[in-house]
Amino acid sequence: MYYISKRMEIAGCHRLSLSYPSKCSQLHGHNWLVTLHCKAKELNEDGMVCDFTAVKERIHGYLDHGNFNELLPFNPTAENIARWICEQVPTCYRVEVQESEGNVAVYERD
């Protein structure tokens, strides 16, 4: 099995729709640290699990400096963002999303 990881920083804002009062219901921003983990039993024809640049373009290129409420069709919690990112890259099996120091959400495919 081959494994790779790609880490990137994404600046973006969001507001959360919550069932309780919270300052997070107001529009606010983060410099998100995102780490994708990908794997493959066989390398592609280029000798890669997947292309790092293609991953960055797909995720960072779409989200960076954006309003996640406008870009994503769900309540943009760190947990939901981690799942969405994992779904964007076929070889991805795990994503870690850090929205601020000490606050990390992890999504891992079964």
PDB file of N, CA and C in Angstrom:
ATOM      1  N   MET A   1       0.857  -1.175   0.000  1.00  0.00           N
ATOM      2  CA  MET A   1       0.000   0.000   0.000  1.00  0.00           C
ATOM      3  C   MET A   1       0.900   1.234   0.000  1.00  0.00           C
ATOM      4  N   TYR A   2       0.510   2.216  -0.796  1.00  0.00           N
ATOM      5  CA  TYR A   2       1.215   3.504  -0.855  1.00  0.00           C
ATOM      6  C   TYR A   2       0.373   4.546  -0.130  1.00  0.00           C
ATOM      7  N   TYR A   3       1.041   5.419   0.601  1.00  0.00           N
ATOM      8  CA  TYR A   3       0.363   6.471   1.349  1.00  0.00           C
ATOM      9  C   TYR A   3       1.014   7.816   1.050  1.00  0.00           C
ATOM     10  N   ILE A   4       0.185   8.842   0.937  1.00  0.00           N
ATOM     11  CA  ILE A   4       0.684  10.218   0.837  1.00  0.00           C
ATOM     12  C   ILE A   4      -0.188  11.103   1.725  1.00  0.00           C
ATOM     13  N   SER A   5       0.324  12.259   2.042  1.00  0.00           N
ATOM     14  CA  SER A   5      -0.507  13.260   2.719  1.00  0.00           C
ATOM     15  C   SER A   5      -0.208  14.618   2.110  1.00  0.00           C
ATOM     16  N   LYS A   6      -1.194  15.465   2.130  1.00  0.00           N
ATOM     17  CA  LYS A   6      -1.089  16.823   1.602  1.00  0.00           C
ATOM     18  C   LYS A   6      -1.654  17.764   2.654  1.00  0.00           C
ATOM     19  N   ARG A   7      -0.842  18.728   3.070  1.00  0.00           N
ATOM     20  CA  ARG A   7      -1.277  19.715   4.052  1.00  0.00           C
ATOM     21  C   ARG A   7      -1.352  21.072   3.378  1.00  0.00           C
ATOM     22  N   MET A   8      -2.400  21.821   3.709  1.00  0.00           N
ATOM     23  CA  MET A   8      -2.563  23.147   3.130  1.00  0.00           C
ATOM     24  C   MET A   8      -3.291  24.055   4.107  1.00  0.00           C
ATOM     25  N   GLU A   9      -3.068  25.335   3.952  1.00  0.00           N
ATOM     26  CA  GLU A   9      -3.766  26.335   4.753  1.00  0.00           C
ATOM     27  C   GLU A   9      -4.792  27.014   3.862  1.00  0.00           C
ATOM     28  N   ILE A  10      -6.013  27.112   4.369  1.00  0.00           N
ATOM     29  CA  ILE A  10      -7.113  27.696   3.615  1.00  0.00           C
ATOM     30  C   ILE A  10      -7.732  28.802   4.454  1.00  0.00           C
ATOM     31  N   ALA A  11      -7.755  30.008   3.921  1.00  0.00           N
ATOM     32  CA  ALA A  11      -8.429  31.116   4.590  1.00  0.00           C
ATOM     33  C   ALA A  11      -9.879  31.125   4.131  1.00  0.00           C
ATOM     34  N   GLY A  12     -10.792  31.231   5.074  1.00  0.00           N
ATOM     35  CA  GLY A  12     -12.195  31.266   4.702  1.00  0.00           C
ATOM     36  C   GLY A  12     -13.064  31.649   5.869  1.00  0.00           C
ATOM     37  N   CYS A  13     -14.289  32.035   5.551  1.00  0.00           N
ATOM     38  CA  CYS A  13     -15.230  32.409   6.599  1.00  0.00           C
ATOM     39  C   CYS A  13     -16.457  31.512   6.536  1.00  0.00           C
ATOM     40  N   HIS A  14     -17.171  31.475   7.653  1.00  0.00           N
ATOM     41  CA  HIS A  14     -18.424  30.738   7.737  1.00  0.00           C
ATOM     42  C   HIS A  14     -19.227  31.253   8.919  1.00  0.00           C
ATOM     43  N   ARG A  15     -20.457  30.871   8.949  1.00  0.00           N
ATOM     44  CA  ARG A  15     -21.301  31.057  10.123  1.00  0.00           C
ATOM     45  C   ARG A  15     -22.054  29.751  10.290  1.00  0.00           C
ATOM     46  N   LEU A  16     -22.228  29.347  11.526  1.00  0.00           N
ATOM     47  CA  LEU A  16     -22.857  28.063  11.795  1.00  0.00           C
ATOM     48  C   LEU A  16     -24.319  28.232  12.169  1.00  0.00           C
ATOM     49  N   SER A  17     -25.147  27.341  11.677  1.00  0.00           N
ATOM     50  CA  SER A  17     -26.551  27.268  12.084  1.00  0.00           C
ATOM     51  C   SER A  17     -26.612  26.252  13.212  1.00  0.00           C
ATOM     52  N   LEU A  18     -26.852  26.730  14.426  1.00  0.00           N
ATOM     53  CA  LEU A  18     -26.812  25.868  15.602  1.00  0.00           C
ATOM     54  C   LEU A  18     -28.145  25.870  16.336  1.00  0.00           C
ATOM     55  N   SER A  19     -28.371  24.845  17.124  1.00  0.00           N
ATOM     56  CA  SER A  19     -29.617  24.722  17.882  1.00  0.00           C
ATOM     57  C   SER A  19     -29.548  25.447  19.220  1.00  0.00           C
ATOM     58  N   TYR A  20     -28.476  26.191  19.459  1.00  0.00           N
ATOM     59  CA  TYR A  20     -28.283  26.916  20.708  1.00  0.00           C
ATOM     60  C   TYR A  20     -27.601  28.251  20.394  1.00  0.00           C
ATOM     61  N   PRO A  21     -27.728  29.237  21.274  1.00  0.00           N
ATOM     62  CA  PRO A  21     -27.067  30.528  21.037  1.00  0.00           C
ATOM     63  C   PRO A  21     -25.545  30.368  21.063  1.00  0.00           C
ATOM     64  N   SER A  22     -24.888  30.982  20.091  1.00  0.00           N
ATOM     65  CA  SER A  22     -23.433  30.881  20.008  1.00  0.00           C
ATOM     66  C   SER A  22     -22.888  32.035  19.181  1.00  0.00           C
ATOM     67  N   LYS A  23     -21.713  32.525  19.556  1.00  0.00           N
ATOM     68  CA  LYS A  23     -21.068  33.559  18.750  1.00  0.00           C
ATOM     69  C   LYS A  23     -20.673  33.012  17.380  1.00  0.00           C
ATOM     70  N   CYS A  24     -20.604  31.694  17.241  1.00  0.00           N
ATOM     71  CA  CYS A  24     -20.260  31.080  15.948  1.00  0.00           C
ATOM     72  C   CYS A  24     -21.393  31.198  14.928  1.00  0.00           C
ATOM     73  N   SER A  25     -22.556  31.661  15.370  1.00  0.00           N
ATOM     74  CA  SER A  25     -23.665  31.907  14.443  1.00  0.00           C
ATOM     75  C   SER A  25     -23.443  33.187  13.650  1.00  0.00           C
ATOM     76  N   GLN A  26     -22.483  33.995  14.077  1.00  0.00           N
ATOM     77  CA  GLN A  26     -22.100  35.205  13.350  1.00  0.00           C
ATOM     78  C   GLN A  26     -21.020  34.854  12.323  1.00  0.00           C
ATOM     79  N   LEU A  27     -21.000  35.564  11.224  1.00  0.00           N
ATOM     80  CA  LEU A  27     -19.980  35.337  10.210  1.00  0.00           C
ATOM     81  C   LEU A  27     -18.604  35.634  10.810  1.00  0.00           C
ATOM     82  N   HIS A  28     -17.686  34.691  10.669  1.00  0.00           N
ATOM     83  CA  HIS A  28     -16.325  34.829  11.187  1.00  0.00           C
ATOM     84  C   HIS A  28     -15.380  33.990  10.340  1.00  0.00           C
ATOM     85  N   GLY A  29     -14.101  34.245  10.458  1.00  0.00           N
ATOM     86  CA  GLY A  29     -13.137  33.552   9.616  1.00  0.00           C
ATOM     87  C   GLY A  29     -12.091  32.792  10.395  1.00  0.00           C
ATOM     88  N   HIS A  30     -11.425  31.896   9.671  1.00  0.00           N
ATOM     89  CA  HIS A  30     -10.332  31.092  10.217  1.00  0.00           C
ATOM     90  C   HIS A  30      -9.268  30.943   9.132  1.00  0.00           C
ATOM     91  N   ASN A  31      -8.073  30.641   9.551  1.00  0.00           N
ATOM     92  CA  ASN A  31      -7.051  30.098   8.657  1.00  0.00           C
ATOM     93  C   ASN A  31      -7.011  28.610   8.966  1.00  0.00           C
ATOM     94  N   TRP A  32      -7.755  27.864   8.192  1.00  0.00           N
ATOM     95  CA  TRP A  32      -7.919  26.428   8.404  1.00  0.00           C
ATOM     96  C   TRP A  32      -6.641  25.703   7.988  1.00  0.00           C
ATOM     97  N   LEU A  33      -6.221  24.729   8.782  1.00  0.00           N
ATOM     98  CA  LEU A  33      -5.142  23.828   8.387  1.00  0.00           C
ATOM     99  C   LEU A  33      -5.792  22.495   8.050  1.00  0.00           C
ATOM    100  N   VAL A  34      -5.610  22.073   6.813  1.00  0.00           N
ATOM    101  CA  VAL A  34      -6.248  20.853   6.317  1.00  0.00           C
ATOM    102  C   VAL A  34      -5.163  19.861   5.921  1.00  0.00           C
ATOM    103  N   THR A  35      -5.305  18.628   6.387  1.00  0.00           N
ATOM    104  CA  THR A  35      -4.390  17.563   5.980  1.00  0.00           C
ATOM    105  C   THR A  35      -5.210  16.423   5.406  1.00  0.00           C
ATOM    106  N   LEU A  36      -4.937  16.094   4.153  1.00  0.00           N
ATOM    107  CA  LEU A  36      -5.579  14.967   3.482  1.00  0.00           C
ATOM    108  C   LEU A  36      -4.615  13.797   3.484  1.00  0.00           C
ATOM    109  N   HIS A  37      -5.141  12.604   3.687  1.00  0.00           N
ATOM    110  CA  HIS A  37      -4.357  11.379   3.623  1.00  0.00           C
ATOM    111  C   HIS A  37      -4.963  10.506   2.530  1.00  0.00           C
ATOM    112  N   CYS A  38      -4.120  10.072   1.607  1.00  0.00           N
ATOM    113  CA  CYS A  38      -4.579   9.257   0.485  1.00  0.00           C
ATOM    114  C   CYS A  38      -3.789   7.959   0.449  1.00  0.00           C
ATOM    115  N   LYS A  39      -4.388   6.941  -0.160  1.00  0.00           N
ATOM    116  CA  LYS A  39      -3.696   5.659  -0.288  1.00  0.00           C
ATOM    117  C   LYS A  39      -4.126   4.963  -1.562  1.00  0.00           C
ATOM    118  N   ALA A  40      -3.261   4.064  -2.010  1.00  0.00           N
ATOM    119  CA  ALA A  40      -3.558   3.260  -3.197  1.00  0.00           C
ATOM    120  C   ALA A  40      -2.734   1.986  -3.149  1.00  0.00           C
ATOM    121  N   LYS A  41      -3.338   0.905  -3.596  1.00  0.00           N
ATOM    122  CA  LYS A  41      -2.605  -0.366  -3.685  1.00  0.00           C
ATOM    123  C   LYS A  41      -1.631  -0.332  -4.849  1.00  0.00           C
ATOM    124  N   GLU A  42      -2.026   0.364  -5.892  1.00  0.00           N
ATOM    125  CA  GLU A  42      -1.188   0.483  -7.092  1.00  0.00           C
ATOM    126  C   GLU A  42      -1.043   1.962  -7.430  1.00  0.00           C
ATOM    127  N   LEU A  43       0.097   2.329  -7.946  1.00  0.00           N
ATOM    128  CA  LEU A  43       0.311   3.699  -8.398  1.00  0.00           C
ATOM    129  C   LEU A  43      -0.337   3.898  -9.762  1.00  0.00           C
ATOM    130  N   ASN A  44      -0.728   5.132 -10.061  1.00  0.00           N
ATOM    131  CA  ASN A  44      -1.301   5.412 -11.374  1.00  0.00           C
ATOM    132  C   ASN A  44      -0.220   5.369 -12.448  1.00  0.00           C
ATOM    133  N   GLU A  45      -0.585   5.632 -13.691  1.00  0.00           N
ATOM    134  CA  GLU A  45       0.371   5.526 -14.799  1.00  0.00           C
ATOM    135  C   GLU A  45       1.530   6.507 -14.681  1.00  0.00           C
ATOM    136  N   ASP A  46       1.384   7.529 -13.842  1.00  0.00           N
ATOM    137  CA  ASP A  46       2.456   8.497 -13.621  1.00  0.00           C
ATOM    138  C   ASP A  46       3.312   8.153 -12.408  1.00  0.00           C
ATOM    139  N   GLY A  47       3.009   7.024 -11.762  1.00  0.00           N
ATOM    140  CA  GLY A  47       3.779   6.613 -10.601  1.00  0.00           C
ATOM    141  C   GLY A  47       3.373   7.315  -9.319  1.00  0.00           C
ATOM    142  N   MET A  48       2.097   7.741  -9.230  1.00  0.00           N
ATOM    143  CA  MET A  48       1.610   8.487  -8.069  1.00  0.00           C
ATOM    144  C   MET A  48       0.360   7.847  -7.488  1.00  0.00           C
ATOM    145  N   VAL A  49       0.136   8.115  -6.199  1.00  0.00           N
ATOM    146  CA  VAL A  49      -1.160   7.811  -5.594  1.00  0.00           C
ATOM    147  C   VAL A  49      -2.170   8.796  -6.172  1.00  0.00           C
ATOM    148  N   CYS A  50      -1.819  10.071  -6.154  1.00  0.00           N
ATOM    149  CA  CYS A  50      -2.558  11.138  -6.812  1.00  0.00           C
ATOM    150  C   CYS A  50      -1.637  12.343  -6.900  1.00  0.00           C
ATOM    151  N   ASP A  51      -1.977  13.274  -7.753  1.00  0.00           N
ATOM    152  CA  ASP A  51      -1.126  14.430  -7.986  1.00  0.00           C
ATOM    153  C   ASP A  51      -1.370  15.485  -6.905  1.00  0.00           C
ATOM    154  N   PHE A  52      -0.305  15.880  -6.190  1.00  0.00           N
ATOM    155  CA  PHE A  52      -0.429  16.886  -5.136  1.00  0.00           C
ATOM    156  C   PHE A  52      -1.024  18.195  -5.667  1.00  0.00           C
ATOM    157  N   THR A  53      -0.600  18.601  -6.847  1.00  0.00           N
ATOM    158  CA  THR A  53      -1.095  19.853  -7.423  1.00  0.00           C
ATOM    159  C   THR A  53      -2.581  19.772  -7.732  1.00  0.00           C
ATOM    160  N   ALA A  54      -3.032  18.651  -8.256  1.00  0.00           N
ATOM    161  CA  ALA A  54      -4.457  18.482  -8.561  1.00  0.00           C
ATOM    162  C   ALA A  54      -5.289  18.533  -7.287  1.00  0.00           C
ATOM    163  N   VAL A  55      -4.787  17.947  -6.208  1.00  0.00           N
ATOM    164  CA  VAL A  55      -5.490  17.986  -4.929  1.00  0.00           C
ATOM    165  C   VAL A  55      -5.587  19.428  -4.433  1.00  0.00           C
ATOM    166  N   LYS A  56      -4.482  20.155  -4.501  1.00  0.00           N
ATOM    167  CA  LYS A  56      -4.486  21.543  -4.038  1.00  0.00           C
ATOM    168  C   LYS A  56      -5.453  22.391  -4.864  1.00  0.00           C
ATOM    169  N   GLU A  57      -5.440  22.208  -6.179  1.00  0.00           N
ATOM    170  CA  GLU A  57      -6.346  22.975  -7.034  1.00  0.00           C
ATOM    171  C   GLU A  57      -7.803  22.676  -6.701  1.00  0.00           C
ATOM    172  N   ARG A  58      -8.120  21.406  -6.464  1.00  0.00           N
ATOM    173  CA  ARG A  58      -9.508  21.005  -6.211  1.00  0.00           C
ATOM    174  C   ARG A  58     -10.025  21.552  -4.882  1.00  0.00           C
ATOM    175  N   ILE A  59      -9.202  21.512  -3.842  1.00  0.00           N
ATOM    176  CA  ILE A  59      -9.649  21.916  -2.512  1.00  0.00           C
ATOM    177  C   ILE A  59      -9.303  23.378  -2.231  1.00  0.00           C
ATOM    178  N   HIS A  60      -8.027  23.702  -2.215  1.00  0.00           N
ATOM    179  CA  HIS A  60      -7.580  25.067  -1.917  1.00  0.00           C
ATOM    180  C   HIS A  60      -8.102  26.042  -2.972  1.00  0.00           C
ATOM    181  N   GLY A  61      -8.012  25.652  -4.222  1.00  0.00           N
ATOM    182  CA  GLY A  61      -8.462  26.521  -5.307  1.00  0.00           C
ATOM    183  C   GLY A  61      -9.938  26.855  -5.234  1.00  0.00           C
ATOM    184  N   TYR A  62     -10.726  25.951  -4.681  1.00  0.00           N
ATOM    185  CA  TYR A  62     -12.167  26.186  -4.575  1.00  0.00           C
ATOM    186  C   TYR A  62     -12.541  26.952  -3.308  1.00  0.00           C
ATOM    187  N   LEU A  63     -11.937  26.597  -2.173  1.00  0.00           N
ATOM    188  CA  LEU A  63     -12.354  27.155  -0.895  1.00  0.00           C
ATOM    189  C   LEU A  63     -11.611  28.412  -0.458  1.00  0.00           C
ATOM    190  N   ASP A  64     -10.356  28.586  -0.846  1.00  0.00           N
ATOM    191  CA  ASP A  64      -9.520  29.633  -0.266  1.00  0.00           C
ATOM    192  C   ASP A  64     -10.114  31.030  -0.463  1.00  0.00           C
ATOM    193  N   HIS A  65     -10.168  31.773   0.620  1.00  0.00           N
ATOM    194  CA  HIS A  65     -10.711  33.135   0.680  1.00  0.00           C
ATOM    195  C   HIS A  65     -12.190  33.197   0.298  1.00  0.00           C
ATOM    196  N   GLY A  66     -12.895  32.094   0.541  1.00  0.00           N
ATOM    197  CA  GLY A  66     -14.310  32.054   0.222  1.00  0.00           C
ATOM    198  C   GLY A  66     -15.187  32.038   1.456  1.00  0.00           C
ATOM    199  N   ASN A  67     -16.474  32.253   1.215  1.00  0.00           N
ATOM    200  CA  ASN A  67     -17.494  32.119   2.245  1.00  0.00           C
ATOM    201  C   ASN A  67     -18.030  30.696   2.126  1.00  0.00           C
ATOM    202  N   PHE A  68     -17.718  29.859   3.093  1.00  0.00           N
ATOM    203  CA  PHE A  68     -18.084  28.447   3.016  1.00  0.00           C
ATOM    204  C   PHE A  68     -19.593  28.238   2.991  1.00  0.00           C
ATOM    205  N   ASN A  69     -20.355  29.157   3.566  1.00  0.00           N
ATOM    206  CA  ASN A  69     -21.809  29.043   3.500  1.00  0.00           C
ATOM    207  C   ASN A  69     -22.315  29.177   2.072  1.00  0.00           C
ATOM    208  N   GLU A  70     -21.612  29.936   1.258  1.00  0.00           N
ATOM    209  CA  GLU A  70     -21.998  30.096  -0.146  1.00  0.00           C
ATOM    210  C   GLU A  70     -21.422  28.991  -1.030  1.00  0.00           C
ATOM    211  N   LEU A  71     -20.288  28.424  -0.646  1.00  0.00           N
ATOM    212  CA  LEU A  71     -19.608  27.437  -1.479  1.00  0.00           C
ATOM    213  C   LEU A  71     -20.036  25.996  -1.221  1.00  0.00           C
ATOM    214  N   LEU A  72     -20.538  25.719  -0.027  1.00  0.00           N
ATOM    215  CA  LEU A  72     -20.848  24.343   0.371  1.00  0.00           C
ATOM    216  C   LEU A  72     -22.336  24.194   0.685  1.00  0.00           C
ATOM    217  N   PRO A  73     -22.931  23.067   0.282  1.00  0.00           N
ATOM    218  CA  PRO A  73     -24.384  22.899   0.440  1.00  0.00           C
ATOM    219  C   PRO A  73     -24.804  22.285   1.778  1.00  0.00           C
ATOM    220  N   PHE A  74     -24.119  22.651   2.876  1.00  0.00           N
ATOM    221  CA  PHE A  74     -24.429  22.105   4.188  1.00  0.00           C
ATOM    222  C   PHE A  74     -23.944  23.081   5.253  1.00  0.00           C
ATOM    223  N   ASN A  75     -24.310  22.831   6.496  1.00  0.00           N
ATOM    224  CA  ASN A  75     -23.834  23.633   7.620  1.00  0.00           C
ATOM    225  C   ASN A  75     -22.314  23.412   7.724  1.00  0.00           C
ATOM    226  N   PRO A  76     -21.515  24.440   7.484  1.00  0.00           N
ATOM    227  CA  PRO A  76     -20.074  24.247   7.335  1.00  0.00           C
ATOM    228  C   PRO A  76     -19.304  24.121   8.663  1.00  0.00           C
ATOM    229  N   THR A  77     -19.640  23.095   9.425  1.00  0.00           N
ATOM    230  CA  THR A  77     -18.857  22.765  10.611  1.00  0.00           C
ATOM    231  C   THR A  77     -17.544  22.135  10.155  1.00  0.00           C
ATOM    232  N   ALA A  78     -16.562  22.115  11.010  1.00  0.00           N
ATOM    233  CA  ALA A  78     -15.280  21.489  10.665  1.00  0.00           C
ATOM    234  C   ALA A  78     -15.478  20.015  10.315  1.00  0.00           C
ATOM    235  N   GLU A  79     -16.396  19.350  11.022  1.00  0.00           N
ATOM    236  CA  GLU A  79     -16.663  17.934  10.750  1.00  0.00           C
ATOM    237  C   GLU A  79     -17.232  17.733   9.344  1.00  0.00           C
ATOM    238  N   ASN A  80     -18.224  18.561   8.987  1.00  0.00           N
ATOM    239  CA  ASN A  80     -18.818  18.439   7.655  1.00  0.00           C
ATOM    240  C   ASN A  80     -17.831  18.815   6.556  1.00  0.00           C
ATOM    241  N   ILE A  81     -16.995  19.802   6.817  1.00  0.00           N
ATOM    242  CA  ILE A  81     -15.980  20.197   5.837  1.00  0.00           C
ATOM    243  C   ILE A  81     -14.985  19.060   5.630  1.00  0.00           C
ATOM    244  N   ALA A  82     -14.579  18.399   6.697  1.00  0.00           N
ATOM    245  CA  ALA A  82     -13.640  17.275   6.582  1.00  0.00           C
ATOM    246  C   ALA A  82     -14.229  16.170   5.704  1.00  0.00           C
ATOM    247  N   ARG A  83     -15.501  15.833   5.917  1.00  0.00           N
ATOM    248  CA  ARG A  83     -16.144  14.795   5.095  1.00  0.00           C
ATOM    249  C   ARG A  83     -16.201  15.226   3.636  1.00  0.00           C
ATOM    250  N   TRP A  84     -16.595  16.476   3.384  1.00  0.00           N
ATOM    251  CA  TRP A  84     -16.703  16.968   2.016  1.00  0.00           C
ATOM    252  C   TRP A  84     -15.348  16.905   1.312  1.00  0.00           C
ATOM    253  N   ILE A  85     -14.300  17.333   1.983  1.00  0.00           N
ATOM    254  CA  ILE A  85     -12.962  17.299   1.381  1.00  0.00           C
ATOM    255  C   ILE A  85     -12.581  15.873   1.027  1.00  0.00           C
ATOM    256  N   CYS A  86     -12.837  14.945   1.918  1.00  0.00           N
ATOM    257  CA  CYS A  86     -12.506  13.534   1.659  1.00  0.00           C
ATOM    258  C   CYS A  86     -13.233  13.018   0.418  1.00  0.00           C
ATOM    259  N   GLU A  87     -14.464  13.441   0.238  1.00  0.00           N
ATOM    260  CA  GLU A  87     -15.265  12.994  -0.911  1.00  0.00           C
ATOM    261  C   GLU A  87     -14.784  13.571  -2.238  1.00  0.00           C
ATOM    262  N   GLN A  88     -13.990  14.630  -2.208  1.00  0.00           N
ATOM    263  CA  GLN A  88     -13.534  15.283  -3.434  1.00  0.00           C
ATOM    264  C   GLN A  88     -12.350  14.579  -4.086  1.00  0.00           C
ATOM    265  N   VAL A  89     -11.652  13.738  -3.337  1.00  0.00           N
ATOM    266  CA  VAL A  89     -10.442  13.081  -3.840  1.00  0.00           C
ATOM    267  C   VAL A  89     -10.642  11.572  -3.712  1.00  0.00           C
ATOM    268  N   PRO A  90     -10.762  10.863  -4.827  1.00  0.00           N
ATOM    269  CA  PRO A  90     -11.097   9.436  -4.776  1.00  0.00           C
ATOM    270  C   PRO A  90     -10.173   8.570  -3.915  1.00  0.00           C
ATOM    271  N   THR A  91      -8.892   8.886  -3.857  1.00  0.00           N
ATOM    272  CA  THR A  91      -7.961   8.062  -3.087  1.00  0.00           C
ATOM    273  C   THR A  91      -7.861   8.487  -1.620  1.00  0.00           C
ATOM    274  N   CYS A  92      -8.586   9.532  -1.244  1.00  0.00           N
ATOM    275  CA  CYS A  92      -8.520  10.055   0.128  1.00  0.00           C
ATOM    276  C   CYS A  92      -9.291   9.129   1.069  1.00  0.00           C
ATOM    277  N   TYR A  93      -8.713   8.859   2.231  1.00  0.00           N
ATOM    278  CA  TYR A  93      -9.387   8.046   3.232  1.00  0.00           C
ATOM    279  C   TYR A  93      -9.497   8.747   4.594  1.00  0.00           C
ATOM    280  N   ARG A  94      -8.760   9.848   4.782  1.00  0.00           N
ATOM    281  CA  ARG A  94      -8.775  10.545   6.069  1.00  0.00           C
ATOM    282  C   ARG A  94      -8.472  12.027   5.848  1.00  0.00           C
ATOM    283  N   VAL A  95      -9.205  12.885   6.559  1.00  0.00           N
ATOM    284  CA  VAL A  95      -8.972  14.326   6.492  1.00  0.00           C
ATOM    285  C   VAL A  95      -9.024  14.894   7.910  1.00  0.00           C
ATOM    286  N   GLU A  96      -8.053  15.748   8.200  1.00  0.00           N
ATOM    287  CA  GLU A  96      -8.035  16.481   9.462  1.00  0.00           C
ATOM    288  C   GLU A  96      -8.216  17.959   9.142  1.00  0.00           C
ATOM    289  N   VAL A  97      -9.150  18.590   9.826  1.00  0.00           N
ATOM    290  CA  VAL A  97      -9.432  20.009   9.636  1.00  0.00           C
ATOM    291  C   VAL A  97      -9.239  20.705  10.976  1.00  0.00           C
ATOM    292  N   GLN A  98      -8.259  21.598  11.034  1.00  0.00           N
ATOM    293  CA  GLN A  98      -8.031  22.404  12.237  1.00  0.00           C
ATOM    294  C   GLN A  98      -8.520  23.807  11.943  1.00  0.00           C
ATOM    295  N   GLU A  99      -9.563  24.219  12.673  1.00  0.00           N
ATOM    296  CA  GLU A  99     -10.103  25.554  12.417  1.00  0.00           C
ATOM    297  C   GLU A  99      -9.469  26.606  13.321  1.00  0.00           C
ATOM    298  N   SER A 100      -8.925  26.202  14.434  1.00  0.00           N
ATOM    299  CA  SER A 100      -8.173  27.089  15.316  1.00  0.00           C
ATOM    300  C   SER A 100      -7.303  26.210  16.208  1.00  0.00           C
ATOM    301  N   GLU A 101      -6.357  26.820  16.884  1.00  0.00           N
ATOM    302  CA  GLU A 101      -5.445  26.056  17.730  1.00  0.00           C
ATOM    303  C   GLU A 101      -6.235  25.244  18.751  1.00  0.00           C
ATOM    304  N   GLY A 102      -6.015  23.953  18.751  1.00  0.00           N
ATOM    305  CA  GLY A 102      -6.683  23.083  19.712  1.00  0.00           C
ATOM    306  C   GLY A 102      -8.018  22.534  19.263  1.00  0.00           C
ATOM    307  N   ASN A 103      -8.554  22.980  18.119  1.00  0.00           N
ATOM    308  CA  ASN A 103      -9.853  22.500  17.625  1.00  0.00           C
ATOM    309  C   ASN A 103      -9.670  21.804  16.290  1.00  0.00           C
ATOM    310  N   VAL A 104      -9.717  20.482  16.329  1.00  0.00           N
ATOM    311  CA  VAL A 104      -9.480  19.670  15.133  1.00  0.00           C
ATOM    312  C   VAL A 104     -10.633  18.687  14.961  1.00  0.00           C
ATOM    313  N   ALA A 105     -11.128  18.576  13.732  1.00  0.00           N
ATOM    314  CA  ALA A 105     -12.122  17.575  13.380  1.00  0.00           C
ATOM    315  C   ALA A 105     -11.480  16.597  12.410  1.00  0.00           C
ATOM    316  N   VAL A 106     -11.810  15.316  12.551  1.00  0.00           N
ATOM    317  CA  VAL A 106     -11.251  14.285  11.697  1.00  0.00           C
ATOM    318  C   VAL A 106     -12.386  13.490  11.068  1.00  0.00           C
ATOM    319  N   TYR A 107     -12.270  13.248   9.772  1.00  0.00           N
ATOM    320  CA  TYR A 107     -13.199  12.350   9.084  1.00  0.00           C
ATOM    321  C   TYR A 107     -12.390  11.239   8.476  1.00  0.00           C
ATOM    322  N   GLU A 108     -12.841  10.009   8.655  1.00  0.00           N
ATOM    323  CA  GLU A 108     -12.156   8.866   8.067  1.00  0.00           C
ATOM    324  C   GLU A 108     -13.189   7.947   7.449  1.00  0.00           C
ATOM    325  N   ARG A 109     -12.947   7.563   6.200  1.00  0.00           N
ATOM    326  CA  ARG A 109     -13.865   6.626   5.531  1.00  0.00           C
ATOM    327  C   ARG A 109     -13.764   5.264   6.204  1.00  0.00           C
ATOM    328  N   ASP A 110     -14.878   4.572   6.240  1.00  0.00           N
ATOM    329  CA  ASP A 110     -14.878   3.198   6.787  1.00  0.00           C
ATOM    330  C   ASP A 110     -14.153   2.261   5.854  1.00  0.00           C
TER     331      ASP A 110
END
